[in-house]
Protein backbone atom coordinates (compact mmCIF):
# COMPACT_ATOMS: atom_id res chain seq x y z
CA MET A 1 -85.63 -4.66 179.48
CA LYS A 2 -88.16 -6.99 181.08
CA GLU A 3 -91.28 -5.55 182.64
CA PRO A 4 -90.72 -5.06 186.40
CA ILE A 5 -91.93 -7.60 188.89
CA ARG A 6 -94.21 -5.99 191.45
CA ILE A 7 -94.05 -6.91 195.13
CA ALA A 8 -96.52 -5.72 197.76
CA TYR A 9 -95.04 -5.49 201.25
CA LEU A 10 -97.98 -5.29 203.65
CA TYR A 11 -97.37 -2.87 206.54
CA GLU A 12 -93.60 -2.71 206.11
CA ASP A 13 -93.48 0.17 208.60
CA LEU A 14 -95.26 -1.86 211.29
CA MET A 15 -94.63 -5.54 210.55
CA ASN A 16 -90.87 -5.98 210.29
CA THR A 17 -89.29 -7.81 213.23
CA TYR A 18 -86.13 -9.92 213.38
CA GLY A 19 -85.00 -9.06 209.87
CA ASP A 20 -88.18 -9.95 208.00
CA SER A 21 -87.54 -7.19 205.45
CA GLY A 22 -84.50 -9.23 204.46
CA ASP A 23 -86.82 -11.70 202.76
CA VAL A 24 -87.87 -9.04 200.26
CA LYS A 25 -84.25 -7.94 199.73
CA ILE A 26 -83.23 -11.53 199.06
CA LEU A 27 -86.01 -12.00 196.53
CA ARG A 28 -84.98 -8.78 194.79
CA TYR A 29 -81.47 -10.26 194.48
CA TRP A 30 -82.60 -13.60 193.01
CA LEU A 31 -85.07 -11.95 190.66
CA GLY A 32 -82.30 -9.61 189.54
CA LEU A 33 -80.22 -12.61 188.57
CA GLU A 34 -83.14 -13.65 186.36
CA GLY A 35 -83.00 -10.24 184.69
CA TYR A 36 -86.06 -8.70 186.31
CA PRO A 37 -86.21 -5.20 187.78
CA VAL A 38 -88.32 -5.18 190.96
CA ILE A 39 -90.75 -2.61 192.33
CA VAL A 40 -91.67 -2.93 196.02
CA ASP A 41 -94.71 -1.03 197.31
CA ASN A 42 -95.26 -0.49 201.02
CA VAL A 43 -99.00 -0.98 201.53
CA SER A 44 -99.83 0.41 204.95
CA LEU A 45 -102.55 2.09 206.99
CA GLY A 46 -105.17 3.74 204.82
CA LYS A 47 -103.43 3.00 201.52
CA PRO A 48 -105.31 1.36 198.62
CA PHE A 49 -104.38 -2.15 197.58
CA ASN A 50 -105.40 -4.45 194.74
CA ALA A 51 -103.52 -7.72 194.99
CA ALA A 52 -104.22 -8.51 191.33
CA ASN A 53 -101.67 -5.83 190.39
CA TYR A 54 -98.84 -7.75 192.06
CA ASP A 55 -96.73 -10.82 191.43
CA PHE A 56 -95.89 -11.47 195.08
CA VAL A 57 -97.26 -10.40 198.46
CA PHE A 58 -95.14 -10.34 201.63
CA PHE A 59 -96.51 -9.93 205.14
CA GLY A 60 -93.97 -9.79 207.96
CA GLY A 61 -94.18 -10.15 211.71
CA GLY A 62 -94.76 -7.50 214.34
CA GLN A 63 -94.97 -6.92 218.07
CA ASP A 64 -98.32 -7.34 219.85
CA TYR A 65 -99.22 -3.64 219.77
CA GLU A 66 -98.39 -3.15 216.09
CA GLN A 67 -100.21 -6.35 215.22
CA THR A 68 -103.33 -5.05 217.00
CA VAL A 69 -103.15 -1.82 214.99
CA VAL A 70 -102.77 -3.73 211.73
CA ALA A 71 -105.66 -6.06 212.61
CA LYS A 72 -108.02 -3.07 212.66
CA ASP A 73 -106.96 -1.84 209.20
CA LEU A 74 -106.50 -5.21 207.50
CA PRO A 75 -110.14 -6.31 206.92
CA ARG A 76 -110.49 -3.95 203.94
CA PHE A 77 -107.95 -6.16 202.15
CA LYS A 78 -109.78 -9.43 202.81
CA ASP A 79 -111.54 -9.83 199.45
CA THR A 80 -108.56 -8.93 197.28
CA LEU A 81 -106.17 -11.12 199.29
CA ALA A 82 -108.59 -14.05 199.33
CA ALA A 83 -108.95 -13.88 195.55
CA TYR A 84 -105.16 -13.63 195.15
CA ILE A 85 -104.54 -16.64 197.39
CA GLU A 86 -107.26 -18.76 195.79
CA ALA A 87 -105.80 -18.00 192.35
CA GLY A 88 -102.61 -19.71 193.46
CA LYS A 89 -100.42 -16.62 193.33
CA PRO A 90 -97.38 -16.58 195.65
CA MET A 91 -97.44 -15.07 199.12
CA LEU A 92 -95.19 -15.38 202.16
CA ALA A 93 -96.47 -14.46 205.63
CA ILE A 94 -94.15 -14.52 208.63
CA CYS A 95 -95.16 -14.80 212.31
CA GLY A 96 -97.77 -12.06 212.93
CA GLY A 97 -98.63 -11.89 209.24
CA TYR A 98 -99.11 -15.65 209.23
CA GLN A 99 -101.39 -15.45 212.28
CA LEU A 100 -103.54 -12.70 210.78
CA LEU A 101 -104.46 -14.83 207.77
CA GLY A 102 -106.32 -17.10 210.17
CA THR A 103 -109.66 -16.72 211.93
CA TYR A 104 -108.43 -15.21 215.21
CA TYR A 105 -105.67 -14.94 217.72
CA LYS A 106 -106.25 -14.84 221.45
CA THR A 107 -103.89 -12.55 223.35
CA ALA A 108 -102.24 -13.30 226.68
CA ASP A 109 -104.96 -11.39 228.56
CA GLY A 110 -107.71 -13.40 226.88
CA THR A 111 -108.73 -10.81 224.31
CA THR A 112 -109.76 -12.37 221.00
CA ILE A 113 -108.70 -10.40 217.94
CA LYS A 114 -110.20 -11.34 214.59
CA GLY A 115 -107.95 -12.24 211.72
CA LEU A 116 -108.90 -12.18 208.07
CA GLY A 117 -110.42 -15.65 208.23
CA ILE A 118 -109.03 -16.57 204.81
CA LEU A 119 -107.28 -19.68 206.11
CA PRO A 120 -108.65 -22.19 208.64
CA LEU A 121 -106.16 -21.69 211.46
CA HIS A 122 -106.12 -19.91 214.81
CA THR A 123 -103.50 -18.78 217.31
CA VAL A 124 -103.44 -18.73 221.11
CA PHE A 125 -100.81 -16.74 223.03
CA LYS A 126 -99.03 -18.26 226.04
CA ALA A 127 -96.98 -15.42 227.47
CA ASP A 128 -95.39 -17.61 230.14
CA ALA A 129 -94.08 -20.15 227.60
CA ARG A 130 -92.25 -18.24 224.90
CA MET A 131 -90.77 -20.30 222.09
CA ILE A 132 -87.40 -18.87 221.19
CA GLY A 133 -84.17 -20.10 219.66
CA ASP A 134 -82.65 -21.68 216.59
CA THR A 135 -84.99 -23.79 214.51
CA GLU A 136 -84.52 -26.40 211.82
CA PHE A 137 -87.13 -28.21 209.78
CA GLU A 138 -87.41 -30.39 206.70
CA THR A 139 -89.50 -29.11 203.77
CA GLU A 140 -90.28 -30.24 200.22
CA PHE A 141 -87.48 -27.88 199.18
CA GLY A 142 -84.92 -29.33 201.60
CA THR A 143 -83.74 -28.46 205.10
CA VAL A 144 -84.40 -24.94 206.38
CA LYS A 145 -82.54 -23.31 209.27
CA ALA A 146 -83.83 -20.13 210.89
CA PHE A 147 -84.74 -18.47 214.20
CA GLU A 148 -88.04 -18.30 216.08
CA ASN A 149 -89.26 -16.00 218.85
CA HIS A 150 -92.98 -16.17 219.53
CA SER A 151 -95.56 -16.78 222.24
CA GLY A 152 -98.31 -17.56 219.74
CA ARG A 153 -99.25 -21.18 219.20
CA THR A 154 -100.90 -21.76 215.85
CA TYR A 155 -103.22 -24.68 215.14
CA PHE A 156 -104.84 -25.81 211.89
CA ASP A 157 -108.63 -26.07 211.96
CA ASP A 158 -108.75 -28.00 208.67
CA LYS A 159 -105.77 -30.30 208.20
CA ASN A 160 -107.13 -31.51 204.88
CA LYS A 161 -106.91 -28.01 203.43
CA LEU A 162 -103.71 -26.76 205.05
CA HIS A 163 -100.38 -28.55 204.93
CA PRO A 164 -97.31 -27.91 207.11
CA LEU A 165 -94.41 -26.13 205.48
CA GLY A 166 -92.05 -28.51 207.22
CA LYS A 167 -91.45 -31.18 209.85
CA MET A 168 -89.52 -30.07 212.91
CA ILE A 169 -85.97 -31.21 213.52
CA GLN A 170 -85.10 -28.57 216.12
CA GLY A 171 -87.30 -25.97 217.81
CA TYR A 172 -91.04 -25.61 218.28
CA GLY A 173 -92.55 -24.40 215.00
CA ASN A 174 -96.30 -23.82 215.02
CA ASN A 175 -96.76 -25.09 218.56
CA PRO A 176 -95.14 -27.52 221.02
CA ASP A 177 -97.59 -30.32 220.21
CA ASP A 178 -97.76 -30.95 216.46
CA GLY A 179 -94.08 -31.17 215.50
CA VAL A 180 -94.51 -29.09 212.36
CA GLU A 181 -93.52 -25.62 211.16
CA GLY A 182 -95.48 -23.18 209.11
CA MET A 183 -98.16 -23.73 206.52
CA ARG A 184 -98.67 -24.07 202.79
CA TYR A 185 -101.96 -23.57 201.00
CA LYS A 186 -101.63 -23.52 197.21
CA ASN A 187 -98.73 -21.04 196.79
CA THR A 188 -99.27 -19.18 200.04
CA PHE A 189 -96.69 -19.92 202.72
CA GLY A 190 -96.84 -19.08 206.42
CA SER A 191 -93.96 -19.49 208.85
CA TYR A 192 -92.56 -18.54 212.24
CA ALA A 193 -89.05 -18.63 210.78
CA HIS A 194 -87.18 -15.33 211.04
CA GLY A 195 -83.57 -14.72 210.32
CA PRO A 196 -84.81 -14.21 207.53
CA ILE A 197 -86.14 -17.55 206.27
CA LEU A 198 -85.12 -16.85 202.68
CA ARG A 199 -81.43 -16.83 203.55
CA ASN A 200 -81.98 -20.53 202.86
CA GLU A 201 -81.30 -20.64 199.12
CA ASN A 202 -83.47 -23.71 198.51
CA ILE A 203 -86.73 -22.09 199.57
CA ALA A 204 -85.68 -18.68 198.20
CA LYS A 205 -85.14 -20.14 194.75
CA ALA A 206 -88.44 -22.04 194.90
CA ILE A 207 -90.41 -18.89 195.72
CA THR A 208 -88.48 -16.92 193.10
CA LYS A 209 -89.63 -19.45 190.50
CA LEU A 210 -93.26 -19.07 191.62
CA ILE A 211 -92.98 -15.29 191.40
CA VAL A 212 -91.62 -15.41 187.85
CA GLN A 213 -94.45 -17.74 186.82
CA ALA A 214 -97.05 -15.42 188.37
CA HIS A 215 -95.45 -12.42 186.68
CA GLU A 216 -95.44 -14.02 183.25
CA ALA A 217 -99.10 -14.97 183.65
CA ARG A 218 -100.03 -11.43 184.70
CA VAL A 219 -98.24 -9.63 181.89
CA ALA A 220 -99.68 -12.07 179.35
CA GLN A 221 -103.21 -11.08 180.27
CA PRO A 222 -104.82 -8.70 177.76
CA THR A 223 -105.48 -5.23 179.08
CA ALA A 224 -109.02 -3.86 179.11
């Protein structure tokens, strides 16, 4: 039997809105077809975490209150996540998880909450202009159809470093101005697409391939 693929689900108990946990279930299915058993660890408040021990990291979305709670606990993961991301290992962050990888998000009442600051992006909430409904966008993997429901408007602070995940066909995506959805930096993906996004086989298969590559590289490393 092949060595299990290890997935870290960050704050599964707090960051899991609109079916985001389905993304992990879908990946387990596709990885199973490749012959890999899968171990999923829920990494939550107060729990230790070393991203180097994993082949994939998933960070779902949450409501404003839960996201505020997570933002207070998350900074202890900054160094290990930054190293993981810079190494080109695969990660998918949805909605609130996507926002928290950036420098900050400003709430509807004007409160600024710090993110991890790993990626050069920020988010501003507009409570009176919620972006909700079916969404469709074109990616390097093909067309993706999903669902969005967010008041946060995300903007890239360094467009040379970050690239959109896709170009909008229907819906709002990152914000009403830029006409793009989500983000890709190396093999880290951010998106506002719920539903879950990986019900789209094209992007699910692409991320599955990245996970297998990361797994093979990890298990090939000599142990100390």
